[in-house]
């Protein structure tokens, strides 16, 4: 071998190469006159930076070569011309002796010029009509592959996730990405170029033997380099035009996800609110937020991005089987991570997600209810004296906070310029709030939970999401007993009999508005009568007066007070 040194780029810079070759030829000439026989001359003119393995005796190799005569440079053979690399075993006499020696210690992708003297080639006989006697042969060699029958699958994991609760095992169904190259670095296939994972069962013979072995024990998100010798890959036949015969294969693999056909969904409780007194059951309607990812963490959907909860019935087949099952037994405010295998999700076909994908949902339950739920009332404070309670037709003033079940404040009476007032039974508030305000004492405080069918229903309202359960914090501030619908004034006991003389305070047989007002206010003051609350008293009394003043002369006469019993029923609460 001629002396030389390597540059940082891996190229060999021969020192005095010409002198070296000339010296070798001189020695070769002398050997022909009885001198010492010369060995092969090896010129390693390109050596790769990385050389994990060198050719040894009994190794199999695959290489390209051009063969020429040293004397005139004429080509006599070439693997390039035949269109396929040459395959042989080294050191066992299957090659000419000079090549057996000259290939020793070679690296994949190394380029050598091997000059072989006649006694280590075809000698004084030559080879048919191709190689003449005593020919010095020169081989330009590029090594493509090395393997040995003792080789095993080589595995090198170069990236692993921080946590790995489970690894691949035989009979798992796996989804992985890969780049496939020959040992020389030449690419032959890539799942990335097809924009889809390779999906298959592991350990069932659906893969080459080396990959069935090399993919065992992987975590989701793990990256590996798997080197498969030819006899555990495609062997002597290769694989079409992609993989040549007897090729060592190198796979750079990313495990995307895997599952076993017997897998059930898995649930991990991340946050459980204190005081959970009710859990979801089949038939409930639930509103929840979620983030959906694949096992490798790639997001595919999120309710948060839509700024809207996902709303559905539980256990009625409106969602994938795994989610239907996972939504049972949840508390309001609970957070869970749910892992769903594809046979409980979208199966082999997938749809808008890849086929056979394992899905991971991080869910947060906002609220749930059952269509049969009543309004739930919890009294948090009740005064010791509670003789008068709110009923239909009563006028009330109250304070409130209205929130969603996750604590999001929607409305508050503290945000209003005027106090919150209503007349019970007048349909001025949602039914659930009406229910919650009924039967209260002044000073009483309540928490009231209103399901949507007692609230704003499926469509919601301004600022209120559809199908939302509402949480009211209520305090009754004031209560004025009311009058029946259609009335402006009622007697709390028996009315004066006869009525007109009692109204005619000055006894002049005529009752003007001022006198009528004085009479009515006296009844209210002394507790014998009650005006409609929440409405200006003067306006009510004037309306009552006008209703009795039939001839519109500004005074009520006795004959105008009642005309007939039917008329009385229609127009006169007096």
Protein backbone atom coordinates (compact mmCIF):
# COMPACT_ATOMS: atom_id res chain seq x y z
CA UNK A 1 0.00 0.00 0.00
CA UNK A 2 1.29 3.39 -0.92
CA UNK A 3 1.79 5.83 1.95
CA UNK A 4 -0.82 8.56 2.31
CA UNK A 5 -2.75 10.82 4.65
CA UNK A 6 -6.39 11.86 4.91
CA UNK A 7 -7.87 15.32 4.58
CA UNK A 8 -10.67 16.50 6.88
CA UNK A 9 -13.10 15.76 4.01
CA UNK A 10 -12.04 12.13 4.04
CA UNK A 11 -10.11 12.18 0.78
CA UNK A 12 -6.75 10.55 0.71
CA UNK A 13 -3.95 12.73 -0.59
CA UNK A 14 -1.32 10.36 -1.87
CA UNK A 15 2.23 11.39 -1.24
CA UNK A 16 4.64 10.48 -4.04
CA UNK A 17 1.97 8.22 -5.56
CA UNK A 18 3.75 8.10 -8.90
CA UNK A 19 7.00 7.12 -7.22
CA UNK A 20 5.14 4.46 -5.23
CA UNK A 21 3.61 2.89 -8.33
CA UNK A 22 6.91 2.96 -10.20
CA UNK A 23 8.63 1.25 -7.28
CA UNK A 24 5.93 -1.41 -7.19
CA UNK A 25 6.32 -2.06 -10.91
CA UNK A 26 10.09 -2.39 -10.47
CA UNK A 27 9.56 -4.93 -7.72
CA UNK A 28 7.10 -6.72 -9.95
CA UNK A 29 9.71 -6.90 -12.73
CA UNK A 30 12.34 -8.20 -10.33
CA UNK A 31 9.95 -10.85 -9.05
CA UNK A 32 9.70 -12.13 -12.61
CA UNK A 33 13.48 -12.75 -12.62
CA UNK A 34 13.44 -14.72 -9.41
CA UNK A 35 13.03 -11.89 -6.92
CA UNK A 36 10.51 -11.68 -4.07
CA UNK A 37 6.89 -11.77 -5.25
CA UNK A 38 5.06 -8.49 -4.74
CA UNK A 39 1.67 -8.13 -3.06
CA UNK A 40 -1.34 -6.19 -4.36
CA UNK A 41 -1.06 -2.43 -4.49
CA UNK A 42 -4.00 -0.65 -2.73
CA UNK A 43 -4.63 3.04 -3.30
CA UNK A 44 -7.32 4.23 -0.84
CA UNK A 45 -8.12 7.49 -2.57
CA UNK A 46 -11.44 8.14 -0.79
CA UNK A 47 -12.31 7.10 2.75
CA UNK A 48 -15.60 8.29 4.36
CA UNK A 49 -15.46 10.22 7.60
CA UNK A 50 -17.40 7.55 9.48
CA UNK A 51 -16.44 3.90 9.11
CA UNK A 52 -18.26 1.78 11.71
CA UNK A 53 -17.21 -1.48 10.08
CA UNK A 54 -14.39 -2.78 7.86
CA UNK A 55 -14.37 -5.83 5.59
CA UNK A 56 -13.01 -8.98 7.20
CA UNK A 57 -12.51 -12.54 6.05
CA UNK A 58 -15.80 -14.41 5.55
CA UNK A 59 -17.79 -11.18 5.22
CA UNK A 60 -20.16 -10.85 2.31
CA UNK A 61 -19.82 -7.69 0.28
CA UNK A 62 -21.65 -5.92 -2.49
CA UNK A 63 -19.60 -3.56 -4.62
CA UNK A 64 -19.26 -1.87 -7.97
CA UNK A 65 -16.03 -2.10 -9.96
CA UNK A 66 -14.35 -1.24 -13.23
CA UNK A 67 -11.57 -3.64 -14.30
CA UNK A 68 -8.79 -2.57 -16.69
CA UNK A 69 -5.33 -3.66 -17.77
CA UNK A 70 -2.45 -1.78 -16.27
CA UNK A 71 -0.50 -1.96 -19.50
CA UNK A 72 -2.88 0.00 -21.73
CA UNK A 73 -5.83 0.99 -19.52
CA UNK A 74 -8.25 -1.05 -21.63
CA UNK A 75 -11.43 -2.17 -19.79
CA UNK A 76 -12.10 -5.88 -19.59
CA UNK A 77 -15.05 -5.97 -17.16
CA UNK A 78 -17.42 -3.66 -15.25
CA UNK A 79 -20.34 -4.15 -12.86
CA UNK A 80 -21.61 -0.78 -14.01
CA UNK A 81 -21.90 -2.08 -17.56
CA UNK A 82 -23.91 -5.07 -16.31
CA UNK A 83 -26.23 -2.75 -14.38
CA UNK A 84 -25.89 -4.46 -11.00
CA UNK A 85 -23.36 -4.62 -8.23
CA UNK A 86 -21.13 -7.64 -7.72
CA UNK A 87 -21.76 -9.81 -4.64
CA UNK A 88 -19.26 -12.20 -3.12
CA UNK A 89 -17.70 -13.51 0.07
CA UNK A 90 -14.21 -12.35 0.99
CA UNK A 91 -11.20 -14.48 1.93
CA UNK A 92 -12.53 -17.91 1.02
CA UNK A 93 -11.15 -18.17 -2.53
CA UNK A 94 -14.29 -17.13 -4.33
CA UNK A 95 -12.41 -14.18 -5.78
CA UNK A 96 -8.96 -13.99 -7.28
CA UNK A 97 -6.40 -13.87 -4.49
CA UNK A 98 -5.46 -10.28 -5.19
CA UNK A 99 -9.04 -9.10 -4.75
CA UNK A 100 -9.48 -11.23 -1.63
CA UNK A 101 -6.52 -9.33 -0.17
CA UNK A 102 -7.22 -5.93 -1.67
CA UNK A 103 -10.78 -5.71 -0.31
CA UNK A 104 -9.76 -6.40 3.28
CA UNK A 105 -10.34 -3.48 5.69
CA UNK A 106 -12.54 -1.56 3.27
CA UNK A 107 -15.39 0.70 4.48
CA UNK A 108 -18.81 1.18 2.92
CA UNK A 109 -18.64 4.08 0.43
CA UNK A 110 -14.85 3.83 0.33
CA UNK A 111 -13.24 4.01 -3.11
CA UNK A 112 -10.06 2.03 -3.82
CA UNK A 113 -7.78 1.36 -6.74
CA UNK A 114 -6.46 -2.20 -6.38
CA UNK A 115 -3.59 -3.20 -8.64
CA UNK A 116 -3.16 -6.99 -8.81
CA UNK A 117 0.03 -8.69 -10.06
CA UNK A 118 -0.39 -11.72 -12.35
CA UNK A 119 0.53 -14.33 -9.75
CA UNK A 120 -2.40 -13.05 -7.58
CA UNK A 121 -4.71 -12.79 -10.59
CA UNK A 122 -4.87 -15.19 -13.56
CA UNK A 123 -1.12 -15.93 -13.76
CA UNK A 124 0.68 -17.12 -16.85
CA UNK A 125 -2.44 -18.81 -18.21
CA UNK A 126 -4.82 -15.85 -18.29
CA UNK A 127 -8.61 -16.27 -18.53
CA UNK A 128 -9.96 -17.45 -21.83
CA UNK A 129 -9.90 -14.80 -24.47
CA UNK A 130 -10.48 -11.95 -21.98
CA UNK A 131 -7.41 -11.84 -19.73
CA UNK A 132 -4.04 -12.48 -21.45
CA UNK A 133 -1.23 -14.31 -19.64
CA UNK A 134 0.82 -12.40 -17.08
CA UNK A 135 -1.60 -9.45 -17.10
CA UNK A 136 -1.44 -6.83 -14.34
CA UNK A 137 -5.07 -5.93 -13.46
CA UNK A 138 -6.38 -2.68 -12.02
CA UNK A 139 -9.76 -2.57 -10.22
CA UNK A 140 -11.56 0.68 -9.35
CA UNK A 141 -13.84 -0.39 -6.48
CA UNK A 142 -16.75 1.30 -4.64
CA UNK A 143 -17.96 -0.72 -1.64
CA UNK A 144 -21.75 -0.61 -1.18
CA UNK A 145 -22.51 -3.15 1.55
CA UNK A 146 -21.01 -5.51 4.15
CA UNK A 147 -22.70 -8.28 6.09
CA UNK A 148 -21.95 -11.56 7.76
CA UNK A 149 -24.06 -14.60 8.53
CA UNK A 150 -23.48 -13.92 12.21
CA UNK A 151 -24.98 -10.43 11.94
CA UNK A 152 -28.05 -9.49 13.99
CA UNK A 153 -30.49 -6.63 13.76
CA UNK A 154 -28.81 -3.49 15.09
CA UNK A 155 -30.97 -1.03 17.01
CA UNK A 156 -29.98 2.46 18.11
CA UNK A 157 -32.57 4.65 19.83
CA UNK A 158 -31.55 8.27 19.53
CA UNK A 159 -34.66 10.00 20.91
CA UNK A 160 -37.11 8.86 23.56
CA UNK A 161 -40.02 10.64 25.24
CA UNK A 162 -39.63 11.65 28.87
CA UNK A 163 -42.38 9.23 29.92
CA UNK A 164 -43.16 5.87 28.37
CA UNK A 165 -45.90 3.87 30.07
CA UNK A 166 -46.04 1.15 27.43
CA UNK A 167 -43.86 -0.25 24.65
CA UNK A 168 -44.68 -2.14 21.49
CA UNK A 169 -45.14 -5.90 21.70
CA UNK A 170 -45.90 -8.70 19.28
CA UNK A 171 -49.51 -8.61 17.93
CA UNK A 172 -49.80 -4.85 18.53
CA UNK A 173 -51.03 -2.77 15.61
CA UNK A 174 -48.52 0.00 14.98
CA UNK A 175 -48.39 3.21 12.95
CA UNK A 176 -44.93 4.57 12.19
CA UNK A 177 -43.03 6.83 9.85
CA UNK A 178 -39.72 5.80 8.32
CA UNK A 179 -36.98 6.69 5.90
CA UNK A 180 -35.39 3.64 4.31
CA UNK A 181 -31.87 3.69 2.88
CA UNK A 182 -29.31 1.18 1.78
CA UNK A 183 -26.13 0.86 3.82
CA UNK A 184 -24.48 3.22 1.37
CA UNK A 185 -27.03 5.91 2.21
CA UNK A 186 -29.01 5.62 -1.02
CA UNK A 187 -32.72 6.13 -0.27
CA UNK A 188 -35.15 3.47 -1.45
CA UNK A 189 -38.40 4.36 0.31
CA UNK A 190 -40.04 6.84 2.71
CA UNK A 191 -43.45 7.02 4.36
CA UNK A 192 -43.02 10.78 4.64
CA UNK A 193 -42.99 11.10 0.86
CA UNK A 194 -46.36 9.30 0.76
CA UNK A 195 -47.64 11.63 3.49
CA UNK A 196 -48.93 8.71 5.50
CA UNK A 197 -47.72 6.36 8.20
CA UNK A 198 -47.00 2.70 7.57
CA UNK A 199 -49.66 0.74 9.44
CA UNK A 200 -49.36 -2.95 10.26
CA UNK A 201 -49.48 -5.65 12.90
CA UNK A 202 -46.19 -6.34 14.66
CA UNK A 203 -44.72 -9.82 14.98
CA UNK A 204 -47.30 -11.43 12.72
CA UNK A 205 -45.08 -11.87 9.66
CA UNK A 206 -46.49 -8.87 7.82
CA UNK A 207 -43.07 -7.19 7.87
CA UNK A 208 -39.59 -8.37 6.98
CA UNK A 209 -38.14 -10.34 9.88
CA UNK A 210 -35.65 -7.66 10.81
CA UNK A 211 -38.33 -5.00 11.18
CA UNK A 212 -40.58 -7.33 13.15
CA UNK A 213 -37.67 -7.58 15.58
CA UNK A 214 -36.41 -4.00 15.39
CA UNK A 215 -39.76 -2.39 16.13
CA UNK A 216 -40.32 -4.28 19.39
CA UNK A 217 -40.09 -2.37 22.66
CA UNK A 218 -40.63 1.09 21.18
CA UNK A 219 -42.41 3.97 22.90
CA UNK A 220 -44.77 6.33 21.14
CA UNK A 221 -42.63 9.23 19.99
CA UNK A 222 -39.40 7.21 20.08
CA UNK A 223 -36.97 7.46 17.17
CA UNK A 224 -34.70 4.58 16.19
CA UNK A 225 -32.21 3.56 13.56
CA UNK A 226 -32.69 -0.11 12.68
CA UNK A 227 -30.06 -1.87 10.55
CA UNK A 228 -31.29 -5.10 9.01
CA UNK A 229 -28.90 -7.59 7.36
CA UNK A 230 -30.01 -8.94 3.96
CA UNK A 231 -31.02 -12.41 5.19
CA UNK A 232 -33.50 -10.71 7.59
CA UNK A 233 -34.69 -8.36 4.87
CA UNK A 234 -35.30 -9.19 1.18
CA UNK A 235 -32.39 -11.59 0.77
CA UNK A 236 -31.16 -12.79 -2.59
CA UNK A 237 -34.19 -11.57 -4.54
CA UNK A 238 -34.30 -7.98 -3.32
CA UNK A 239 -37.49 -6.00 -3.77
CA UNK A 240 -38.24 -4.90 -7.30
CA UNK A 241 -36.30 -1.93 -8.51
CA UNK A 242 -36.14 -0.40 -5.02
CA UNK A 243 -33.96 -2.86 -3.08
CA UNK A 244 -31.14 -4.76 -4.82
CA UNK A 245 -30.40 -8.39 -3.92
CA UNK A 246 -28.45 -9.02 -0.72
CA UNK A 247 -28.87 -5.47 0.53
CA UNK A 248 -28.48 -4.37 4.14
CA UNK A 249 -31.31 -1.97 4.95
CA UNK A 250 -31.23 1.02 7.28
CA UNK A 251 -34.53 2.34 8.65
CA UNK A 252 -34.88 5.63 10.53
CA UNK A 253 -38.16 5.11 12.38
CA UNK A 254 -40.57 7.32 14.34
CA UNK A 255 -43.25 5.42 16.28
CA UNK A 256 -46.47 7.42 15.91
CA UNK A 257 -48.84 5.20 17.87
CA UNK A 258 -49.82 1.62 18.59
CA UNK A 259 -52.53 -0.42 20.25
CA UNK A 260 -53.63 -3.97 20.80
CA UNK A 261 -56.96 -5.18 19.39
CA UNK A 262 -58.00 -6.17 22.92
CA UNK A 263 -57.33 -2.69 24.32
CA UNK A 264 -60.12 -0.86 26.12
CA UNK A 265 -60.14 2.86 26.60
CA UNK A 266 -58.00 4.23 29.41
CA UNK A 267 -59.03 7.07 31.68
CA UNK A 268 -56.77 9.26 33.79
CA UNK A 269 -58.46 11.70 36.18
CA UNK A 270 -56.51 14.96 36.12
CA UNK A 271 -58.72 17.10 38.35
CA UNK A 272 -61.70 16.13 40.49
CA UNK A 273 -63.70 18.94 42.11
CA UNK A 274 -64.49 18.66 45.81
CA UNK A 275 -68.04 17.96 46.85
CA UNK A 276 -69.09 16.04 43.74
CA UNK A 277 -72.64 14.93 44.58
CA UNK A 278 -73.74 13.86 41.13
CA UNK A 279 -72.12 12.07 38.22
CA UNK A 280 -73.15 11.70 34.61
CA UNK A 281 -75.34 8.76 33.57
CA UNK A 282 -76.63 7.52 30.25
CA UNK A 283 -79.30 9.84 28.92
CA UNK A 284 -77.76 12.99 30.39
CA UNK A 285 -76.98 15.93 28.15
CA UNK A 286 -73.40 17.15 28.61
CA UNK A 287 -71.41 20.22 27.61
CA UNK A 288 -67.65 19.80 27.65
CA UNK A 289 -64.47 21.23 26.24
CA UNK A 290 -61.77 19.04 24.75
CA UNK A 291 -58.40 18.95 23.05
CA UNK A 292 -57.94 16.00 20.71
CA UNK A 293 -54.46 14.70 19.83
CA UNK A 294 -52.85 11.59 18.48
CA UNK A 295 -50.56 9.57 20.73
CA UNK A 296 -47.52 11.47 19.53
CA UNK A 297 -49.09 14.74 20.68
CA UNK A 298 -50.14 16.01 17.24
CA UNK A 299 -53.39 17.96 17.62
CA UNK A 300 -56.31 17.16 15.32
CA UNK A 301 -59.23 19.04 16.90
CA UNK A 302 -60.14 21.36 19.77
CA UNK A 303 -63.40 22.84 21.05
CA UNK A 304 -61.39 25.65 22.63
CA UNK A 305 -60.28 26.86 19.20
CA UNK A 306 -63.94 27.09 18.18
CA UNK A 307 -64.69 28.92 21.44
CA UNK A 308 -67.64 26.62 21.98
CA UNK A 309 -68.27 23.52 24.05
CA UNK A 310 -69.17 20.20 22.46
CA UNK A 311 -72.76 19.40 23.42
CA UNK A 312 -74.31 15.95 23.20
CA UNK A 313 -76.38 13.26 24.85
CA UNK A 314 -74.47 10.50 26.64
CA UNK A 315 -74.89 6.81 25.90
CA UNK A 316 -77.14 7.31 22.89
CA UNK A 317 -74.63 6.81 20.08
CA UNK A 318 -74.16 10.44 19.12
CA UNK A 319 -70.38 10.24 19.68
CA UNK A 320 -67.76 7.53 19.06
CA UNK A 321 -68.15 4.43 21.25
CA UNK A 322 -65.10 5.15 23.36
CA UNK A 323 -66.22 8.68 24.15
CA UNK A 324 -69.77 7.55 24.91
CA UNK A 325 -68.29 5.17 27.46
CA UNK A 326 -65.77 7.65 28.85
CA UNK A 327 -68.40 10.32 29.50
CA UNK A 328 -70.19 8.13 32.06
CA UNK A 329 -69.49 8.85 35.72
CA UNK A 330 -68.12 12.38 35.40
CA UNK A 331 -68.54 15.29 37.80
CA UNK A 332 -69.14 18.88 36.83
CA UNK A 333 -65.77 20.57 36.51
CA UNK A 334 -63.87 17.29 36.27
CA UNK A 335 -60.87 17.02 33.95
CA UNK A 336 -59.81 13.73 32.41
CA UNK A 337 -57.38 12.38 29.84
CA UNK A 338 -59.02 9.66 27.76
CA UNK A 339 -57.11 7.36 25.39
CA UNK A 340 -59.33 5.60 22.87
CA UNK A 341 -58.13 2.75 20.60
CA UNK A 342 -59.32 2.92 16.99
CA UNK A 343 -61.85 0.08 17.29
CA UNK A 344 -63.68 2.32 19.78
CA UNK A 345 -63.06 5.44 17.68
CA UNK A 346 -63.00 5.80 13.88
CA UNK A 347 -61.58 2.38 13.02
CA UNK A 348 -59.42 1.47 10.05
CA UNK A 349 -61.00 3.96 7.68
CA UNK A 350 -60.52 6.99 9.90
CA UNK A 351 -62.28 9.75 8.02
CA UNK A 352 -61.00 13.20 8.77
CA UNK A 353 -58.23 11.53 10.84
CA UNK A 354 -55.81 8.77 9.76
CA UNK A 355 -57.10 5.21 9.75
CA UNK A 356 -56.36 3.07 12.82
CA UNK A 357 -55.36 6.10 14.87
CA UNK A 358 -55.35 6.02 18.66
CA UNK A 359 -57.02 9.19 19.95
CA UNK A 360 -56.21 11.08 23.13
CA UNK A 361 -58.76 13.55 24.49
CA UNK A 362 -58.19 15.99 27.31
CA UNK A 363 -61.72 16.87 28.43
CA UNK A 364 -63.18 19.38 30.89
CA UNK A 365 -66.81 18.96 31.89
CA UNK A 366 -68.57 22.33 31.94
CA UNK A 367 -72.01 21.08 32.92
CA UNK A 368 -74.58 18.36 32.37
CA UNK A 369 -78.25 17.79 33.03
CA UNK A 370 -81.03 15.35 32.39
CA UNK A 371 -84.11 16.39 30.40
CA UNK A 372 -86.19 15.36 33.44
CA UNK A 373 -84.25 17.51 35.90
CA UNK A 374 -86.27 19.97 38.03
CA UNK A 375 -84.96 23.28 39.30
CA UNK A 376 -82.66 22.60 42.24
CA UNK A 377 -82.91 25.02 45.18
CA UNK A 378 -80.44 25.17 48.07
CA UNK A 379 -81.26 27.61 50.90
CA UNK A 380 -78.02 29.10 52.19
CA UNK A 381 -79.55 31.58 54.68
CA UNK A 382 -83.03 31.99 56.13
CA UNK A 383 -84.10 34.72 58.61
CA UNK A 384 -85.47 33.58 61.96
CA UNK A 385 -88.74 35.35 61.24
CA UNK A 386 -90.22 34.17 57.99
CA UNK A 387 -93.95 34.72 58.13
CA UNK A 388 -94.47 36.24 54.70
CA UNK A 389 -93.16 34.42 51.62
CA UNK A 390 -93.19 35.33 47.95
CA UNK A 391 -96.01 33.94 45.82
CA UNK A 392 -97.54 34.42 42.40
CA UNK A 393 -98.60 38.05 41.72
CA UNK A 394 -96.24 39.38 44.39
CA UNK A 395 -93.88 42.17 43.51
CA UNK A 396 -90.32 41.49 44.62
CA UNK A 397 -86.91 43.14 44.57
CA UNK A 398 -83.90 40.84 44.58
CA UNK A 399 -80.16 40.64 44.10
CA UNK A 400 -78.55 37.98 41.97
CA UNK A 401 -75.43 36.62 40.34
CA UNK A 402 -75.91 34.37 37.31
CA UNK A 403 -73.01 32.08 36.34
CA UNK A 404 -72.27 29.03 34.27
CA UNK A 405 -71.41 25.89 36.17
CA UNK A 406 -67.70 26.43 35.56
CA UNK A 407 -67.93 29.72 37.48
CA UNK A 408 -68.06 32.04 34.48
CA UNK A 409 -70.12 35.06 35.58
CA UNK A 410 -72.76 36.01 33.02
CA UNK A 411 -74.85 38.67 34.75
CA UNK A 412 -75.12 40.35 38.14
CA UNK A 413 -77.62 42.77 39.63
CA UNK A 414 -74.63 44.62 41.05
CA UNK A 415 -73.76 45.59 37.48
CA UNK A 416 -77.13 47.30 36.93
CA UNK A 417 -78.07 50.91 37.56
CA UNK A 418 -81.55 50.00 38.80
CA UNK A 419 -82.59 47.31 41.29
CA UNK A 420 -83.85 44.00 39.89
CA UNK A 421 -87.60 43.75 40.33
CA UNK A 422 -90.33 41.51 38.95
CA UNK A 423 -93.87 40.41 39.55
CA UNK A 424 -94.03 36.68 40.10
CA UNK A 425 -96.21 34.90 37.62
CA UNK A 426 -96.01 37.67 35.03
CA UNK A 427 -93.54 35.74 32.80
CA UNK A 428 -90.95 38.47 33.11
CA UNK A 429 -88.10 36.05 33.96
CA UNK A 430 -87.19 32.51 32.88
CA UNK A 431 -89.24 29.76 34.46
CA UNK A 432 -86.37 28.39 36.52
CA UNK A 433 -85.63 31.77 38.10
CA UNK A 434 -89.35 32.25 38.79
CA UNK A 435 -89.34 28.92 40.58
CA UNK A 436 -86.23 29.85 42.55
CA UNK A 437 -87.70 33.20 43.67
CA UNK A 438 -90.96 31.69 44.88
CA UNK A 439 -91.46 30.89 48.56
CA UNK A 440 -88.70 33.24 49.77
CA UNK A 441 -88.66 35.50 52.80
CA UNK A 442 -87.14 38.95 52.72
CA UNK A 443 -83.47 38.48 53.63
CA UNK A 444 -83.39 34.86 52.52
CA UNK A 445 -80.52 33.70 50.30
CA UNK A 446 -80.53 30.78 47.91
CA UNK A 447 -78.47 28.97 45.33
CA UNK A 448 -80.63 27.91 42.41
CA UNK A 449 -79.55 25.57 39.60
CA UNK A 450 -81.61 25.93 36.45
CA UNK A 451 -81.41 23.24 33.71
CA UNK A 452 -81.73 24.61 30.17
CA UNK A 453 -85.31 23.38 29.69
CA UNK A 454 -86.19 25.69 32.62
CA UNK A 455 -83.86 28.38 31.30
CA UNK A 456 -82.87 29.50 27.82
CA UNK A 457 -83.09 26.11 26.11
CA UNK A 458 -80.97 24.77 23.28
CA UNK A 459 -80.57 28.13 21.58
CA UNK A 460 -79.39 30.09 24.61
CA UNK A 461 -79.71 33.85 24.82
CA UNK A 462 -77.50 36.92 24.63
CA UNK A 463 -74.34 35.90 26.48
CA UNK A 464 -75.82 32.53 27.48
CA UNK A 465 -74.61 29.43 25.58
CA UNK A 466 -77.17 27.01 24.25
CA UNK A 467 -78.16 24.14 26.58
CA UNK A 468 -76.33 25.76 29.51
CA UNK A 469 -77.16 24.95 33.13
CA UNK A 470 -77.35 28.25 35.04
CA UNK A 471 -76.30 28.86 38.62
CA UNK A 472 -78.09 31.72 40.42
CA UNK A 473 -77.11 33.19 43.77
CA UNK A 474 -80.25 34.98 45.01
CA UNK A 475 -81.18 37.29 47.88
CA UNK A 476 -84.72 38.63 48.39
CA UNK A 477 -84.47 42.33 49.24
CA UNK A 478 -88.11 43.46 49.28
CA UNK A 479 -91.53 41.88 48.94
CA UNK A 480 -94.89 43.49 48.30
CA UNK A 481 -97.89 41.22 48.20
CA UNK A 482 -99.54 41.36 44.83
CA UNK A 483 -102.96 41.26 43.25
CA UNK A 484 -104.36 38.76 40.74
CA UNK A 485 -103.66 39.24 37.05
CA UNK A 486 -106.04 41.81 35.56
CA UNK A 487 -106.70 43.57 38.86
CA UNK A 488 -105.31 46.85 40.14
CA UNK A 489 -106.65 46.66 43.69
CA UNK A 490 -107.95 43.89 45.95
CA UNK A 491 -109.56 43.83 49.36
CA UNK A 492 -107.61 41.91 51.93
CA UNK A 493 -110.79 41.32 53.89
CA UNK A 494 -114.46 42.21 53.52
CA UNK A 495 -115.15 45.44 51.66
CA UNK A 496 -117.37 48.17 53.27
CA UNK A 497 -121.05 47.41 52.86
CA UNK A 498 -122.56 49.49 51.50
CA UNK A 499 -119.48 50.65 49.56
CA UNK A 500 -120.56 54.01 48.09
CA UNK A 501 -121.32 55.79 51.39
CA UNK A 502 -117.88 54.74 52.62
CA UNK A 503 -116.28 56.27 49.53
CA UNK A 504 -118.39 59.47 49.76
CA UNK A 505 -116.31 60.96 52.53
CA UNK A 506 -118.11 64.37 52.53
CA UNK A 507 -121.57 62.86 51.96
CA UNK A 508 -122.41 64.95 48.87
CA UNK A 509 -123.43 61.89 46.82
CA UNK A 510 -120.54 62.47 44.37
CA UNK A 511 -116.95 61.18 44.57
CA UNK A 512 -114.33 63.14 42.58
CA UNK A 513 -110.80 61.76 41.87
CA UNK A 514 -109.24 63.44 44.92
CA UNK A 515 -111.85 61.95 47.26
CA UNK A 516 -111.54 58.55 45.57
CA UNK A 517 -107.76 58.67 45.97
CA UNK A 518 -108.05 59.53 49.65
CA UNK A 519 -110.42 56.61 50.19
CA UNK A 520 -108.27 54.03 48.42
CA UNK A 521 -105.03 55.13 50.13
CA UNK A 522 -106.81 54.94 53.49
CA UNK A 523 -107.78 51.29 52.80
CA UNK A 524 -104.17 50.47 51.87
CA UNK A 525 -102.80 52.26 54.92
CA UNK A 526 -105.13 50.45 57.30
CA UNK A 527 -104.42 47.09 55.64
CA UNK A 528 -107.93 46.53 54.33
CA UNK A 529 -106.88 46.69 50.66
CA UNK A 530 -103.85 46.30 48.41
CA UNK A 531 -102.82 48.04 45.20
CA UNK A 532 -100.88 46.27 42.43
CA UNK A 533 -97.24 46.52 43.57
CA UNK A 534 -94.48 47.80 41.39
CA UNK A 535 -96.71 50.34 39.62
CA UNK A 536 -97.20 54.04 40.45
CA UNK A 537 -100.11 54.26 42.92
CA UNK A 538 -101.53 57.48 41.47
CA UNK A 539 -101.63 55.92 38.01
CA UNK A 540 -103.43 52.83 39.29
CA UNK A 541 -106.00 54.86 41.25
CA UNK A 542 -106.65 57.13 38.27
CA UNK A 543 -107.23 54.06 36.07
CA UNK A 544 -109.59 52.65 38.69
CA UNK A 545 -111.44 55.97 38.90
CA UNK A 546 -111.81 56.22 35.11
CA UNK A 547 -113.12 52.69 35.04
CA UNK A 548 -115.94 53.67 37.44
CA UNK A 549 -116.67 57.13 35.99
CA UNK A 550 -118.94 55.89 33.24
CA UNK A 551 -120.20 59.26 31.99
CA UNK A 552 -116.72 60.74 32.18
CA UNK A 553 -117.85 63.83 34.09
CA UNK A 554 -114.98 63.61 36.56
CA UNK A 555 -117.16 62.29 39.41
CA UNK A 556 -118.51 58.89 40.43
CA UNK A 557 -122.18 58.75 41.34
CA UNK A 558 -123.73 55.86 43.23
CA UNK A 559 -125.54 54.64 40.13
CA UNK A 560 -122.17 54.41 38.28
CA UNK A 561 -120.58 52.15 40.85
CA UNK A 562 -122.44 49.01 39.77
CA UNK A 563 -124.68 48.59 36.78
CA UNK A 564 -125.24 44.82 36.65
CA UNK A 565 -123.59 41.82 38.23
CA UNK A 566 -122.00 40.91 34.87
CA UNK A 567 -120.65 44.41 34.47
CA UNK A 568 -119.30 44.25 37.97
CA UNK A 569 -117.39 41.10 37.20
CA UNK A 570 -115.92 42.57 34.03
CA UNK A 571 -114.75 46.01 35.19
CA UNK A 572 -114.79 46.57 38.89
CA UNK A 573 -112.32 45.13 41.38
CA UNK A 574 -114.04 47.31 44.01
